[in-house]
Amino acid sequence: MLRDMIRQRVIDHGEVFTPPGIVRDMLNLVQQECERIESRFLEPACGDGNFLAEVLRRKLATVTKRHAGARPKWERDAVLAVSSLYGIDLLPDNVEACRARLLAGVTSVHEATFHEPLPDAVREVIAYILGQNVVHGDALSFQTAEGCPIVFPEWSPVNGNQLKRRDFAYDHLLAETHTASMPLFSDLGHDVYLPRPVGEFPPRHYLKLAEEV
């Protein structure tokens, strides 16, 4: 029965999960970015999070290396690491599984590092961010399952414990034909593509992000 269900999902949705070894090999090609806490990753067919979970594991290794003796700083940077990950998937169970998997990843590393459960306030804000960043929708049509435009929040650190949120329409990020050859950011003074936000919020303490809406 399970095998038949899996086969049908492949037929209906082309659902094939990338094996962990291949995920690691692919991410090794961008290892430096995977270790940067603020480096953003989008998986437009995220499934249950094979790629995103491995990226998060590597980011949390950086967080632990920096803050193993400073729990508040670890928790802040763990939230920032989660906020840099984005996913889209056609199937609602995959979306829920991906969100749960990423939250569990933070929880397990926190417990291994500090021998204490992840505080409820941190857990709640991570769950909120994942609810915004991992979307049930179609990356090809740029729409959510409800037929609305996919909008992703950008979370940028400001003044220590604060994050600033700006919302961007997914189709706007990809609409410009020159985007593929024009980077979002350049350290060399070159022209860059700067998408316009569709929403903007004042900086808030990272534990109060859910109060913005």
N, C-alpha and C. Protein backbone atom coordinates (compact mmCIF):
# COMPACT_ATOMS: atom_id res chain seq x y z
N MET A 1 0.83 -1.20 0.00
CA MET A 1 0.00 0.00 0.00
C MET A 1 0.87 1.26 0.00
N LEU A 2 1.87 1.31 0.89
CA LEU A 2 2.76 2.48 0.95
C LEU A 2 3.51 2.64 -0.35
N ARG A 3 3.97 1.54 -0.91
CA ARG A 3 4.71 1.61 -2.17
C ARG A 3 3.81 2.15 -3.28
N ASP A 4 2.55 1.75 -3.28
CA ASP A 4 1.61 2.24 -4.28
C ASP A 4 1.37 3.74 -4.12
N MET A 5 1.27 4.19 -2.87
CA MET A 5 1.07 5.61 -2.61
C MET A 5 2.26 6.42 -3.09
N ILE A 6 3.47 5.94 -2.82
CA ILE A 6 4.68 6.64 -3.26
C ILE A 6 4.74 6.70 -4.78
N ARG A 7 4.42 5.56 -5.41
CA ARG A 7 4.44 5.52 -6.88
C ARG A 7 3.43 6.51 -7.46
N GLN A 8 2.24 6.61 -6.83
CA GLN A 8 1.23 7.52 -7.34
C GLN A 8 1.65 8.98 -7.19
N ARG A 9 2.34 9.30 -6.10
CA ARG A 9 2.83 10.68 -5.90
C ARG A 9 3.88 11.02 -6.95
N VAL A 10 4.70 10.05 -7.31
CA VAL A 10 5.67 10.28 -8.36
C VAL A 10 4.97 10.54 -9.69
N ILE A 11 3.93 9.76 -9.97
CA ILE A 11 3.18 9.93 -11.21
C ILE A 11 2.46 11.27 -11.24
N ASP A 12 1.80 11.60 -10.11
CA ASP A 12 0.96 12.81 -10.07
C ASP A 12 1.78 14.09 -9.97
N HIS A 13 2.88 14.04 -9.21
CA HIS A 13 3.59 15.28 -8.88
C HIS A 13 5.08 15.25 -9.23
N GLY A 14 5.57 14.13 -9.76
CA GLY A 14 7.00 14.04 -10.06
C GLY A 14 7.85 14.09 -8.81
N GLU A 15 7.31 13.59 -7.72
CA GLU A 15 8.00 13.70 -6.43
C GLU A 15 9.11 12.66 -6.31
N VAL A 16 10.34 13.14 -6.30
CA VAL A 16 11.51 12.28 -6.10
C VAL A 16 12.44 13.00 -5.14
N PHE A 17 12.77 12.36 -4.04
CA PHE A 17 13.62 12.98 -3.03
C PHE A 17 15.09 12.69 -3.32
N THR A 18 15.92 13.73 -3.24
CA THR A 18 17.35 13.59 -3.47
C THR A 18 17.99 12.84 -2.31
N PRO A 19 18.75 11.78 -2.57
CA PRO A 19 19.39 11.02 -1.49
C PRO A 19 20.34 11.90 -0.67
N PRO A 20 20.47 11.61 0.62
CA PRO A 20 21.32 12.43 1.50
C PRO A 20 22.75 12.58 1.01
N GLY A 21 23.34 11.51 0.48
CA GLY A 21 24.72 11.61 0.01
C GLY A 21 24.88 12.59 -1.13
N ILE A 22 23.92 12.61 -2.03
CA ILE A 22 23.97 13.55 -3.15
C ILE A 22 23.73 14.97 -2.64
N VAL A 23 22.82 15.12 -1.68
CA VAL A 23 22.59 16.44 -1.07
C VAL A 23 23.89 16.98 -0.50
N ARG A 24 24.60 16.15 0.26
CA ARG A 24 25.86 16.60 0.87
C ARG A 24 26.89 16.95 -0.19
N ASP A 25 26.99 16.12 -1.21
CA ASP A 25 27.98 16.38 -2.27
C ASP A 25 27.68 17.70 -2.98
N MET A 26 26.41 17.97 -3.24
CA MET A 26 26.04 19.20 -3.94
C MET A 26 26.31 20.42 -3.07
N LEU A 27 25.97 20.31 -1.80
CA LEU A 27 26.18 21.45 -0.91
C LEU A 27 27.66 21.67 -0.60
N ASN A 28 28.45 20.63 -0.71
CA ASN A 28 29.90 20.81 -0.54
C ASN A 28 30.48 21.76 -1.57
N LEU A 29 29.80 21.88 -2.70
CA LEU A 29 30.27 22.78 -3.75
C LEU A 29 30.09 24.24 -3.36
N VAL A 30 29.20 24.48 -2.40
CA VAL A 30 28.98 25.85 -1.90
C VAL A 30 29.14 25.86 -0.38
N GLN A 31 30.11 25.11 0.09
CA GLN A 31 30.30 24.93 1.52
C GLN A 31 30.43 26.25 2.27
N GLN A 32 31.17 27.19 1.69
CA GLN A 32 31.38 28.46 2.37
C GLN A 32 30.07 29.19 2.62
N GLU A 33 29.17 29.15 1.63
CA GLU A 33 27.87 29.81 1.80
C GLU A 33 27.01 29.08 2.82
N CYS A 34 27.11 27.77 2.84
CA CYS A 34 26.33 26.98 3.80
C CYS A 34 26.73 27.30 5.25
N GLU A 35 27.96 27.72 5.45
CA GLU A 35 28.44 28.01 6.79
C GLU A 35 28.19 29.45 7.21
N ARG A 36 27.79 30.30 6.28
CA ARG A 36 27.47 31.69 6.60
C ARG A 36 26.05 31.74 7.16
N ILE A 37 25.90 32.27 8.37
CA ILE A 37 24.61 32.26 9.05
C ILE A 37 23.55 33.01 8.24
N GLU A 38 23.92 34.12 7.62
CA GLU A 38 22.94 34.98 6.96
C GLU A 38 22.77 34.68 5.47
N SER A 39 23.54 33.76 4.91
CA SER A 39 23.44 33.47 3.49
C SER A 39 22.10 32.78 3.20
N ARG A 40 21.35 33.32 2.24
CA ARG A 40 19.98 32.85 2.00
C ARG A 40 19.94 31.73 0.96
N PHE A 41 19.05 30.76 1.22
CA PHE A 41 18.85 29.62 0.34
C PHE A 41 17.35 29.46 0.07
N LEU A 42 17.01 29.24 -1.19
CA LEU A 42 15.63 28.93 -1.58
C LEU A 42 15.62 27.59 -2.30
N GLU A 43 14.75 26.67 -1.84
CA GLU A 43 14.54 25.40 -2.53
C GLU A 43 13.12 25.42 -3.08
N PRO A 44 12.95 25.61 -4.41
CA PRO A 44 11.62 25.78 -4.98
C PRO A 44 10.80 24.50 -5.08
N ALA A 45 11.38 23.37 -4.78
CA ALA A 45 10.64 22.11 -4.68
C ALA A 45 11.22 21.38 -3.47
N CYS A 46 10.91 21.88 -2.29
CA CYS A 46 11.67 21.51 -1.09
C CYS A 46 11.34 20.13 -0.54
N GLY A 47 10.21 19.55 -0.94
CA GLY A 47 9.85 18.26 -0.36
C GLY A 47 9.76 18.38 1.16
N ASP A 48 10.32 17.40 1.86
CA ASP A 48 10.30 17.47 3.32
C ASP A 48 11.56 18.09 3.88
N GLY A 49 12.38 18.70 3.00
CA GLY A 49 13.48 19.52 3.50
C GLY A 49 14.86 18.91 3.46
N ASN A 50 15.12 17.98 2.55
CA ASN A 50 16.45 17.36 2.50
C ASN A 50 17.58 18.38 2.38
N PHE A 51 17.44 19.29 1.43
CA PHE A 51 18.49 20.30 1.23
C PHE A 51 18.49 21.32 2.37
N LEU A 52 17.33 21.84 2.72
CA LEU A 52 17.25 22.88 3.73
C LEU A 52 17.73 22.38 5.09
N ALA A 53 17.41 21.15 5.44
CA ALA A 53 17.85 20.60 6.73
C ALA A 53 19.36 20.48 6.80
N GLU A 54 19.99 20.09 5.68
CA GLU A 54 21.44 19.96 5.66
C GLU A 54 22.12 21.33 5.71
N VAL A 55 21.54 22.31 5.01
CA VAL A 55 22.08 23.68 5.09
C VAL A 55 21.98 24.18 6.52
N LEU A 56 20.82 23.96 7.15
CA LEU A 56 20.63 24.41 8.53
C LEU A 56 21.62 23.72 9.46
N ARG A 57 21.86 22.44 9.25
CA ARG A 57 22.83 21.73 10.10
C ARG A 57 24.19 22.41 10.03
N ARG A 58 24.60 22.80 8.84
CA ARG A 58 25.91 23.43 8.68
C ARG A 58 25.92 24.84 9.27
N LYS A 59 24.85 25.56 9.11
CA LYS A 59 24.77 26.89 9.70
C LYS A 59 24.81 26.80 11.23
N LEU A 60 24.09 25.84 11.79
CA LEU A 60 24.08 25.70 13.25
C LEU A 60 25.44 25.28 13.79
N ALA A 61 26.21 24.57 12.98
CA ALA A 61 27.58 24.24 13.40
C ALA A 61 28.39 25.52 13.55
N THR A 62 28.17 26.49 12.65
CA THR A 62 28.84 27.78 12.77
C THR A 62 28.37 28.52 14.02
N VAL A 63 27.06 28.49 14.25
CA VAL A 63 26.50 29.15 15.44
C VAL A 63 27.10 28.56 16.71
N THR A 64 27.19 27.25 16.77
CA THR A 64 27.74 26.58 17.95
C THR A 64 29.22 26.88 18.12
N LYS A 65 29.94 26.92 17.04
CA LYS A 65 31.37 27.24 17.10
C LYS A 65 31.59 28.62 17.69
N ARG A 66 30.70 29.56 17.36
CA ARG A 66 30.85 30.93 17.83
C ARG A 66 30.32 31.13 19.24
N HIS A 67 29.24 30.44 19.59
CA HIS A 67 28.50 30.80 20.80
C HIS A 67 28.20 29.61 21.72
N ALA A 68 29.02 28.59 21.72
CA ALA A 68 28.74 27.43 22.56
C ALA A 68 28.69 27.79 24.04
N GLY A 69 29.35 28.88 24.42
CA GLY A 69 29.34 29.30 25.81
C GLY A 69 28.45 30.47 26.10
N ALA A 70 27.62 30.85 25.12
CA ALA A 70 26.76 32.02 25.29
C ALA A 70 25.38 31.70 24.72
N ARG A 71 24.54 31.16 25.56
CA ARG A 71 23.24 30.66 25.09
C ARG A 71 22.37 31.73 24.45
N PRO A 72 22.22 32.94 25.02
CA PRO A 72 21.37 33.94 24.36
C PRO A 72 21.84 34.28 22.95
N LYS A 73 23.15 34.39 22.76
CA LYS A 73 23.68 34.68 21.43
C LYS A 73 23.47 33.50 20.48
N TRP A 74 23.59 32.28 21.01
CA TRP A 74 23.34 31.10 20.20
C TRP A 74 21.90 31.10 19.71
N GLU A 75 20.98 31.36 20.60
CA GLU A 75 19.56 31.34 20.23
C GLU A 75 19.23 32.44 19.22
N ARG A 76 19.80 33.61 19.40
CA ARG A 76 19.58 34.69 18.44
C ARG A 76 20.08 34.29 17.05
N ASP A 77 21.30 33.76 16.99
CA ASP A 77 21.87 33.42 15.69
C ASP A 77 21.21 32.18 15.09
N ALA A 78 20.69 31.30 15.92
CA ALA A 78 19.93 30.16 15.40
C ALA A 78 18.66 30.64 14.72
N VAL A 79 18.00 31.62 15.31
CA VAL A 79 16.81 32.22 14.69
C VAL A 79 17.20 32.86 13.35
N LEU A 80 18.31 33.57 13.34
CA LEU A 80 18.77 34.20 12.11
C LEU A 80 19.09 33.15 11.04
N ALA A 81 19.69 32.04 11.44
CA ALA A 81 19.99 30.96 10.49
C ALA A 81 18.71 30.41 9.87
N VAL A 82 17.71 30.16 10.70
CA VAL A 82 16.43 29.66 10.20
C VAL A 82 15.79 30.67 9.26
N SER A 83 15.90 31.95 9.60
CA SER A 83 15.23 32.99 8.80
C SER A 83 15.83 33.12 7.40
N SER A 84 16.99 32.52 7.17
CA SER A 84 17.65 32.61 5.86
C SER A 84 17.23 31.49 4.91
N LEU A 85 16.38 30.58 5.37
CA LEU A 85 16.00 29.41 4.58
C LEU A 85 14.58 29.53 4.07
N TYR A 86 14.39 29.22 2.78
CA TYR A 86 13.08 29.37 2.13
C TYR A 86 12.77 28.12 1.31
N GLY A 87 11.49 27.77 1.27
CA GLY A 87 11.09 26.62 0.49
C GLY A 87 9.68 26.76 -0.05
N ILE A 88 9.43 26.08 -1.14
CA ILE A 88 8.10 26.00 -1.75
C ILE A 88 7.84 24.54 -2.09
N ASP A 89 6.63 24.07 -1.85
CA ASP A 89 6.28 22.72 -2.29
C ASP A 89 4.80 22.64 -2.63
N LEU A 90 4.49 21.76 -3.59
CA LEU A 90 3.11 21.59 -4.05
C LEU A 90 2.24 20.85 -3.05
N LEU A 91 2.85 20.02 -2.22
CA LEU A 91 2.08 19.13 -1.35
C LEU A 91 2.09 19.62 0.09
N PRO A 92 0.91 19.76 0.68
CA PRO A 92 0.84 20.33 2.04
C PRO A 92 1.53 19.48 3.10
N ASP A 93 1.50 18.15 2.94
CA ASP A 93 2.17 17.33 3.95
C ASP A 93 3.68 17.51 3.90
N ASN A 94 4.23 17.74 2.71
CA ASN A 94 5.66 18.03 2.61
C ASN A 94 6.00 19.35 3.29
N VAL A 95 5.16 20.35 3.10
CA VAL A 95 5.40 21.65 3.72
C VAL A 95 5.43 21.52 5.24
N GLU A 96 4.45 20.84 5.79
CA GLU A 96 4.40 20.66 7.24
C GLU A 96 5.58 19.84 7.73
N ALA A 97 5.95 18.81 6.98
CA ALA A 97 7.09 17.98 7.38
C ALA A 97 8.39 18.77 7.33
N CYS A 98 8.54 19.62 6.33
CA CYS A 98 9.75 20.44 6.22
C CYS A 98 9.85 21.41 7.38
N ARG A 99 8.77 22.09 7.68
CA ARG A 99 8.78 23.03 8.81
C ARG A 99 9.13 22.31 10.10
N ALA A 100 8.49 21.16 10.34
CA ALA A 100 8.73 20.41 11.57
C ALA A 100 10.17 19.91 11.64
N ARG A 101 10.70 19.49 10.50
CA ARG A 101 12.07 18.97 10.45
C ARG A 101 13.08 20.05 10.79
N LEU A 102 12.89 21.25 10.26
CA LEU A 102 13.83 22.34 10.54
C LEU A 102 13.75 22.77 12.00
N LEU A 103 12.55 22.85 12.54
CA LEU A 103 12.39 23.19 13.96
C LEU A 103 13.05 22.12 14.83
N ALA A 104 12.85 20.86 14.49
CA ALA A 104 13.46 19.77 15.25
C ALA A 104 14.98 19.83 15.16
N GLY A 105 15.50 20.28 14.02
CA GLY A 105 16.95 20.41 13.88
C GLY A 105 17.53 21.40 14.87
N VAL A 106 16.86 22.55 15.01
CA VAL A 106 17.33 23.54 15.98
C VAL A 106 17.20 23.00 17.40
N THR A 107 16.07 22.36 17.68
CA THR A 107 15.81 21.84 19.03
C THR A 107 16.88 20.83 19.44
N SER A 108 17.22 19.90 18.54
CA SER A 108 18.17 18.85 18.89
C SER A 108 19.57 19.42 19.12
N VAL A 109 19.99 20.38 18.28
CA VAL A 109 21.33 20.95 18.46
C VAL A 109 21.38 21.79 19.74
N HIS A 110 20.31 22.51 20.03
CA HIS A 110 20.26 23.29 21.28
C HIS A 110 20.39 22.38 22.49
N GLU A 111 19.66 21.28 22.49
CA GLU A 111 19.71 20.36 23.63
C GLU A 111 21.09 19.71 23.75
N ALA A 112 21.70 19.38 22.62
CA ALA A 112 23.03 18.77 22.66
C ALA A 112 24.08 19.76 23.14
N THR A 113 23.88 21.04 22.85
CA THR A 113 24.87 22.06 23.19
C THR A 113 24.74 22.53 24.63
N PHE A 114 23.49 22.74 25.07
CA PHE A 114 23.27 23.35 26.39
C PHE A 114 22.61 22.41 27.39
N HIS A 115 22.26 21.21 26.95
CA HIS A 115 21.64 20.21 27.84
C HIS A 115 20.36 20.75 28.47
N GLU A 116 19.67 21.59 27.72
CA GLU A 116 18.38 22.14 28.16
C GLU A 116 17.47 22.24 26.95
N PRO A 117 16.15 22.16 27.16
CA PRO A 117 15.23 22.29 26.03
C PRO A 117 15.29 23.69 25.43
N LEU A 118 14.97 23.79 24.17
CA LEU A 118 14.85 25.09 23.52
C LEU A 118 13.73 25.87 24.20
N PRO A 119 13.98 27.10 24.64
CA PRO A 119 12.93 27.88 25.31
C PRO A 119 11.69 28.05 24.43
N ASP A 120 10.53 28.08 25.06
CA ASP A 120 9.27 28.18 24.32
C ASP A 120 9.24 29.42 23.43
N ALA A 121 9.77 30.54 23.93
CA ALA A 121 9.71 31.78 23.16
C ALA A 121 10.51 31.65 21.87
N VAL A 122 11.66 30.96 21.94
CA VAL A 122 12.49 30.77 20.75
C VAL A 122 11.81 29.78 19.81
N ARG A 123 11.25 28.73 20.36
CA ARG A 123 10.54 27.75 19.56
C ARG A 123 9.39 28.40 18.80
N GLU A 124 8.67 29.26 19.49
CA GLU A 124 7.50 29.90 18.86
C GLU A 124 7.90 30.83 17.72
N VAL A 125 8.99 31.59 17.90
CA VAL A 125 9.38 32.51 16.84
C VAL A 125 9.95 31.74 15.66
N ILE A 126 10.65 30.64 15.90
CA ILE A 126 11.14 29.82 14.80
C ILE A 126 9.97 29.22 14.03
N ALA A 127 8.97 28.73 14.74
CA ALA A 127 7.79 28.18 14.07
C ALA A 127 7.09 29.25 13.25
N TYR A 128 7.05 30.47 13.77
CA TYR A 128 6.42 31.57 13.03
C TYR A 128 7.19 31.88 11.74
N ILE A 129 8.50 31.98 11.86
CA ILE A 129 9.33 32.27 10.68
C ILE A 129 9.18 31.18 9.63
N LEU A 130 9.22 29.92 10.06
CA LEU A 130 9.06 28.82 9.11
C LEU A 130 7.69 28.84 8.45
N GLY A 131 6.68 29.30 9.19
CA GLY A 131 5.36 29.43 8.60
C GLY A 131 5.30 30.45 7.49
N GLN A 132 6.20 31.43 7.54
CA GLN A 132 6.27 32.45 6.50
C GLN A 132 7.21 32.04 5.36
N ASN A 133 8.29 31.36 5.71
CA ASN A 133 9.37 31.08 4.76
C ASN A 133 9.16 29.81 3.94
N VAL A 134 8.46 28.84 4.48
CA VAL A 134 8.22 27.57 3.78
C VAL A 134 6.76 27.55 3.36
N VAL A 135 6.53 27.62 2.06
CA VAL A 135 5.22 27.96 1.52
C VAL A 135 4.61 26.78 0.76
N HIS A 136 3.31 26.60 0.96
CA HIS A 136 2.54 25.64 0.16
C HIS A 136 2.11 26.34 -1.12
N GLY A 137 2.74 25.98 -2.23
CA GLY A 137 2.41 26.65 -3.47
C GLY A 137 3.14 26.04 -4.64
N ASP A 138 3.12 26.76 -5.76
CA ASP A 138 3.70 26.31 -7.02
C ASP A 138 4.77 27.31 -7.44
N ALA A 139 6.02 26.87 -7.45
CA ALA A 139 7.12 27.76 -7.80
C ALA A 139 7.07 28.19 -9.25
N LEU A 140 6.38 27.43 -10.11
CA LEU A 140 6.31 27.77 -11.53
C LEU A 140 5.24 28.80 -11.82
N SER A 141 4.14 28.75 -11.07
CA SER A 141 3.07 29.74 -11.28
C SER A 141 3.22 30.94 -10.37
N PHE A 142 4.15 30.86 -9.40
CA PHE A 142 4.41 31.94 -8.44
C PHE A 142 3.23 32.16 -7.49
N GLN A 143 2.38 31.15 -7.33
CA GLN A 143 1.18 31.30 -6.51
C GLN A 143 1.14 30.29 -5.37
N THR A 144 0.49 30.71 -4.29
CA THR A 144 0.23 29.80 -3.18
C THR A 144 -0.88 28.84 -3.57
N ALA A 145 -1.12 27.86 -2.72
CA ALA A 145 -2.20 26.91 -2.98
C ALA A 145 -3.56 27.59 -3.03
N GLU A 146 -3.67 28.76 -2.40
CA GLU A 146 -4.92 29.50 -2.40
C GLU A 146 -5.05 30.42 -3.61
N GLY A 147 -4.05 30.42 -4.48
CA GLY A 147 -4.09 31.25 -5.67
C GLY A 147 -3.61 32.67 -5.48
N CYS A 148 -2.96 32.94 -4.36
CA CYS A 148 -2.40 34.27 -4.10
C CYS A 148 -0.93 34.29 -4.51
N PRO A 149 -0.40 35.48 -4.80
CA PRO A 149 1.03 35.56 -5.12
C PRO A 149 1.89 35.09 -3.94
N ILE A 150 2.93 34.35 -4.23
CA ILE A 150 3.87 33.94 -3.18
C ILE A 150 4.68 35.16 -2.77
N VAL A 151 4.71 35.42 -1.49
CA VAL A 151 5.47 36.53 -0.93
C VAL A 151 6.42 35.98 0.13
N PHE A 152 7.68 36.35 0.02
CA PHE A 152 8.67 35.91 0.99
C PHE A 152 9.16 37.09 1.83
N PRO A 153 9.27 36.90 3.14
CA PRO A 153 9.87 37.94 3.98
C PRO A 153 11.39 37.85 3.97
N GLU A 154 12.03 38.98 3.93
CA GLU A 154 13.48 39.08 4.14
C GLU A 154 13.68 39.54 5.58
N TRP A 155 14.48 38.80 6.33
CA TRP A 155 14.76 39.12 7.72
C TRP A 155 16.21 39.59 7.82
N SER A 156 16.41 40.85 8.17
CA SER A 156 17.76 41.40 8.21
C SER A 156 18.10 41.85 9.62
N PRO A 157 19.28 41.46 10.14
CA PRO A 157 19.67 41.85 11.50
C PRO A 157 19.94 43.35 11.60
N VAL A 158 19.45 43.93 12.68
CA VAL A 158 19.65 45.35 12.96
C VAL A 158 19.89 45.51 14.45
N ASN A 159 20.93 46.21 14.82
CA ASN A 159 21.14 46.57 16.23
C ASN A 159 21.10 45.36 17.17
N GLY A 160 21.92 44.41 16.93
CA GLY A 160 22.06 43.31 17.87
C GLY A 160 20.93 42.30 17.82
N ASN A 161 19.92 42.47 18.69
CA ASN A 161 18.86 41.49 18.82
C ASN A 161 17.62 41.81 17.98
N GLN A 162 17.70 42.81 17.12
CA GLN A 162 16.54 43.17 16.31
C GLN A 162 16.67 42.65 14.88
N LEU A 163 15.52 42.34 14.30
CA LEU A 163 15.45 41.97 12.90
C LEU A 163 14.44 42.88 12.20
N LYS A 164 14.78 43.25 10.99
CA LYS A 164 13.87 44.04 10.18
C LYS A 164 13.29 43.16 9.08
N ARG A 165 11.98 43.25 8.91
CA ARG A 165 11.31 42.43 7.89
C ARG A 165 10.88 43.29 6.71
N ARG A 166 11.21 42.79 5.51
CA ARG A 166 10.69 43.36 4.27
C ARG A 166 10.14 42.21 3.43
N ASP A 167 8.97 42.40 2.86
CA ASP A 167 8.34 41.36 2.07
C ASP A 167 8.56 41.61 0.58
N PHE A 168 8.85 40.52 -0.16
CA PHE A 168 9.07 40.60 -1.59
C PHE A 168 8.21 39.57 -2.31
N ALA A 169 7.59 39.98 -3.40
CA ALA A 169 6.83 39.05 -4.23
C ALA A 169 7.79 38.15 -4.99
N TYR A 170 7.55 36.86 -4.92
CA TYR A 170 8.44 35.89 -5.56
C TYR A 170 8.55 36.13 -7.05
N ASP A 171 7.43 36.45 -7.72
CA ASP A 171 7.51 36.67 -9.16
C ASP A 171 8.32 37.91 -9.51
N HIS A 172 8.31 38.92 -8.62
CA HIS A 172 9.12 40.11 -8.87
C HIS A 172 10.61 39.78 -8.81
N LEU A 173 10.96 38.85 -7.94
CA LEU A 173 12.37 38.48 -7.81
C LEU A 173 12.89 37.81 -9.08
N LEU A 174 11.99 37.19 -9.83
CA LEU A 174 12.41 36.43 -11.02
C LEU A 174 11.96 37.07 -12.32
N ALA A 175 11.19 38.16 -12.25
CA ALA A 175 10.56 38.70 -13.45
C ALA A 175 11.55 39.35 -14.40
N GLU A 176 12.57 40.00 -13.87
CA GLU A 176 13.50 40.71 -14.72
C GLU A 176 14.34 39.72 -15.53
N THR A 177 14.38 39.88 -16.83
CA THR A 177 15.09 38.94 -17.68
C THR A 177 16.58 38.95 -17.43
N HIS A 178 17.08 40.05 -16.88
CA HIS A 178 18.52 40.14 -16.67
C HIS A 178 18.93 39.68 -15.28
N THR A 179 17.98 39.22 -14.47
CA THR A 179 18.30 38.85 -13.10
C THR A 179 19.36 37.76 -13.02
N ALA A 180 19.27 36.79 -13.94
CA ALA A 180 20.20 35.66 -13.86
C ALA A 180 21.65 36.10 -14.01
N SER A 181 21.88 37.18 -14.77
CA SER A 181 23.25 37.63 -14.98
C SER A 181 23.61 38.83 -14.12
N MET A 182 22.63 39.35 -13.39
CA MET A 182 22.88 40.52 -12.56
C MET A 182 22.66 40.15 -11.10
N PRO A 183 23.67 40.13 -10.27
CA PRO A 183 23.52 39.68 -8.89
C PRO A 183 22.69 40.64 -8.06
N LEU A 184 22.12 40.09 -6.98
CA LEU A 184 21.39 40.94 -6.04
C LEU A 184 22.34 41.84 -5.28
N PHE A 185 23.56 41.38 -5.04
CA PHE A 185 24.52 42.15 -4.28
C PHE A 185 25.88 42.07 -4.97
N SER A 186 26.62 43.16 -4.96
CA SER A 186 27.95 43.17 -5.57
C SER A 186 28.91 43.93 -4.68
N ASP A 187 30.06 43.31 -4.44
CA ASP A 187 31.11 43.97 -3.67
C ASP A 187 32.10 44.67 -4.58
N LEU A 188 31.85 44.64 -5.89
CA LEU A 188 32.81 45.14 -6.85
C LEU A 188 32.34 46.42 -7.54
N GLY A 189 31.21 46.97 -7.10
CA GLY A 189 30.72 48.20 -7.69
C GLY A 189 29.94 48.00 -8.97
N HIS A 190 29.60 46.75 -9.33
CA HIS A 190 28.86 46.50 -10.55
C HIS A 190 27.38 46.83 -10.36
N ASP A 191 26.65 47.00 -11.47
CA ASP A 191 25.22 47.19 -11.39
C ASP A 191 24.58 45.96 -10.77
N VAL A 192 23.54 46.18 -9.99
CA VAL A 192 22.84 45.08 -9.34
C VAL A 192 21.35 45.24 -9.57
N TYR A 193 20.64 44.12 -9.45
CA TYR A 193 19.18 44.14 -9.52
C TYR A 193 18.63 44.26 -8.11
N LEU A 194 17.86 45.30 -7.84
CA LEU A 194 17.31 45.54 -6.51
C LEU A 194 15.79 45.49 -6.57
N PRO A 195 15.19 44.37 -6.19
CA PRO A 195 13.73 44.28 -6.22
C PRO A 195 13.11 45.21 -5.19
N ARG A 196 11.89 45.64 -5.48
CA ARG A 196 11.19 46.54 -4.57
C ARG A 196 10.32 45.73 -3.60
N PRO A 197 10.37 46.05 -2.33
CA PRO A 197 9.52 45.33 -1.37
C PRO A 197 8.05 45.67 -1.55
N VAL A 198 7.20 44.69 -1.25
CA VAL A 198 5.76 44.92 -1.27
C VAL A 198 5.22 45.15 0.14
N GLY A 199 6.07 45.05 1.12
CA GLY A 199 5.70 45.31 2.50
C GLY A 199 6.94 45.55 3.32
N GLU A 200 6.83 46.37 4.35
CA GLU A 200 7.98 46.70 5.17
C GLU A 200 7.52 46.93 6.60
N PHE A 201 8.33 46.47 7.55
CA PHE A 201 7.99 46.57 8.96
C PHE A 201 9.17 47.19 9.72
N PRO A 202 8.90 47.87 10.81
CA PRO A 202 10.00 48.43 11.61
C PRO A 202 10.78 47.32 12.30
N PRO A 203 12.03 47.56 12.64
CA PRO A 203 12.81 46.55 13.35
C PRO A 203 12.14 46.15 14.66
N ARG A 204 12.20 44.86 14.95
CA ARG A 204 11.64 44.34 16.20
C ARG A 204 12.63 43.38 16.83
N HIS A 205 12.53 43.23 18.15
CA HIS A 205 13.32 42.20 18.82
C HIS A 205 12.97 40.85 18.21
N TYR A 206 13.97 40.02 18.03
CA TYR A 206 13.74 38.78 17.29
C TYR A 206 12.71 37.88 17.94
N LEU A 207 12.48 38.01 19.24
CA LEU A 207 11.48 37.19 19.90
C LEU A 207 10.06 37.77 19.76
N LYS A 208 9.93 38.93 19.14
CA LYS A 208 8.63 39.57 18.99
C LYS A 208 8.21 39.73 17.54
N LEU A 209 8.82 38.96 16.66
CA LEU A 209 8.52 39.09 15.23
C LEU A 209 7.07 38.77 14.90
N ALA A 210 6.50 37.83 15.61
CA ALA A 210 5.13 37.42 15.33
C ALA A 210 4.13 38.51 15.65
N GLU A 211 4.54 39.52 16.40
CA GLU A 211 3.64 40.61 16.77
C GLU A 211 3.56 41.67 15.70
N GLU A 212 4.30 41.53 14.60
CA GLU A 212 4.32 42.55 13.54
C GLU A 212 3.03 42.58 12.76
N VAL A 213 2.32 41.45 12.68
CA VAL A 213 1.16 41.37 11.81
C VAL A 213 -0.11 41.35 12.64
